[in-house]
């Protein structure tokens, strides 16, 4: 579980990110989950969006994905949400992997 300070810092970082994954009308299919897992592995901090008209809200999608993929929900606004999952296998440089 991350602290409020860490979450606030990640929210500030995520503000400038573009949406990497769109959750379609079919919801959280195995393919969508695999894509999210892959993007979290390579970027750590990821912005996602649910489709207009989707029966799944961004809050529902974020909590389901976070619990299955062991990620943290950083923020949810409207149909957009941000997830974070640290990957210790990534090479750490001067800039974080999401930039």
Protein backbone atom coordinates (compact mmCIF):
# COMPACT_ATOMS: atom_id res chain seq x y z
CA UNK A 1 0.00 0.00 0.00
CA UNK A 2 1.41 3.37 -0.99
CA UNK A 3 1.34 6.50 1.13
CA UNK A 4 -0.70 9.58 0.28
CA UNK A 5 2.51 11.45 -0.55
CA UNK A 6 3.62 8.75 -3.02
CA UNK A 7 0.15 8.68 -4.60
CA UNK A 8 0.15 12.48 -4.97
CA UNK A 9 3.59 12.37 -6.61
CA UNK A 10 2.44 9.68 -9.06
CA UNK A 11 -0.76 11.65 -9.83
CA UNK A 12 1.40 14.64 -10.76
CA UNK A 13 3.56 12.43 -13.01
CA UNK A 14 0.50 10.81 -14.61
CA UNK A 15 -1.08 14.16 -15.49
CA UNK A 16 1.18 14.47 -18.54
CA UNK A 17 0.76 10.88 -19.73
CA UNK A 18 -1.47 9.90 -22.62
CA UNK A 19 -3.86 6.95 -22.42
CA UNK A 20 -1.97 3.73 -23.21
CA UNK A 21 -4.81 1.20 -22.99
CA UNK A 22 -8.48 1.49 -23.91
CA UNK A 23 -10.88 -0.95 -22.27
CA UNK A 24 -13.51 -1.66 -24.94
CA UNK A 25 -17.20 -2.45 -24.77
CA UNK A 26 -16.37 -6.11 -24.12
CA UNK A 27 -14.84 -5.12 -20.77
CA UNK A 28 -11.94 -6.88 -19.13
CA UNK A 29 -11.32 -9.69 -21.57
CA UNK A 30 -8.27 -11.93 -21.13
CA UNK A 31 -6.65 -10.06 -24.02
CA UNK A 32 -7.27 -6.69 -22.38
CA UNK A 33 -5.85 -7.96 -19.08
CA UNK A 34 -2.74 -9.31 -20.84
CA UNK A 35 -2.23 -5.94 -22.55
CA UNK A 36 -2.56 -4.04 -19.26
CA UNK A 37 -0.15 -6.48 -17.57
CA UNK A 38 2.37 -5.97 -20.37
CA UNK A 39 2.15 -2.17 -20.28
CA UNK A 40 2.45 -2.12 -16.47
CA UNK A 41 5.53 -4.33 -16.71
CA UNK A 42 7.28 -2.00 -19.14
CA UNK A 43 6.04 1.43 -17.97
CA UNK A 44 5.01 0.98 -14.29
CA UNK A 45 2.72 4.05 -14.37
CA UNK A 46 -0.11 3.69 -16.90
CA UNK A 47 -3.17 5.73 -17.84
CA UNK A 48 -6.19 3.73 -19.06
CA UNK A 49 -9.68 4.57 -20.26
CA UNK A 50 -12.99 2.73 -20.46
CA UNK A 51 -15.14 3.02 -23.60
CA UNK A 52 -18.16 5.31 -23.75
CA UNK A 53 -21.25 3.21 -23.22
CA UNK A 54 -19.31 0.48 -21.43
CA UNK A 55 -21.22 -1.24 -18.66
CA UNK A 56 -18.01 -1.22 -16.63
CA UNK A 57 -17.20 2.07 -14.88
CA UNK A 58 -13.62 3.28 -14.60
CA UNK A 59 -13.74 2.77 -10.82
CA UNK A 60 -14.93 -0.84 -11.22
CA UNK A 61 -12.36 -1.56 -13.94
CA UNK A 62 -9.51 -0.02 -11.94
CA UNK A 63 -10.24 -2.00 -8.78
CA UNK A 64 -10.68 -5.27 -10.70
CA UNK A 65 -7.47 -4.81 -12.68
CA UNK A 66 -5.51 -3.69 -9.61
CA UNK A 67 -6.58 -6.71 -7.57
CA UNK A 68 -5.85 -9.23 -10.34
CA UNK A 69 -2.55 -7.69 -11.51
CA UNK A 70 -1.32 -6.60 -8.04
CA UNK A 71 -1.22 -2.91 -8.98
CA UNK A 72 -2.19 0.26 -7.13
CA UNK A 73 -4.97 2.59 -8.26
CA UNK A 74 -3.42 6.06 -8.35
CA UNK A 75 -6.42 8.05 -9.55
CA UNK A 76 -9.83 7.75 -11.21
CA UNK A 77 -11.44 10.67 -13.05
CA UNK A 78 -14.49 10.10 -15.24
CA UNK A 79 -13.72 7.25 -17.65
CA UNK A 80 -9.96 7.55 -17.14
CA UNK A 81 -7.87 5.92 -14.44
CA UNK A 82 -4.21 5.52 -13.60
CA UNK A 83 -2.50 2.40 -12.26
CA UNK A 84 0.98 1.85 -10.84
CA UNK A 85 2.97 -1.34 -10.35
CA UNK A 86 6.67 -1.23 -9.56
CA UNK A 87 8.91 -3.52 -11.59
CA UNK A 88 12.26 -4.08 -9.88
CA UNK A 89 13.63 -5.77 -13.02
CA UNK A 90 13.55 -2.51 -15.01
CA UNK A 91 16.84 -0.68 -15.35
CA UNK A 92 16.64 2.54 -13.33
CA UNK A 93 18.05 5.59 -15.05
CA UNK A 94 17.72 9.30 -14.48
CA UNK A 95 14.17 9.35 -15.84
CA UNK A 96 11.40 6.99 -14.72
CA UNK A 97 10.20 4.32 -17.21
CA UNK A 98 6.90 6.09 -17.90
CA UNK A 99 8.54 9.17 -19.41
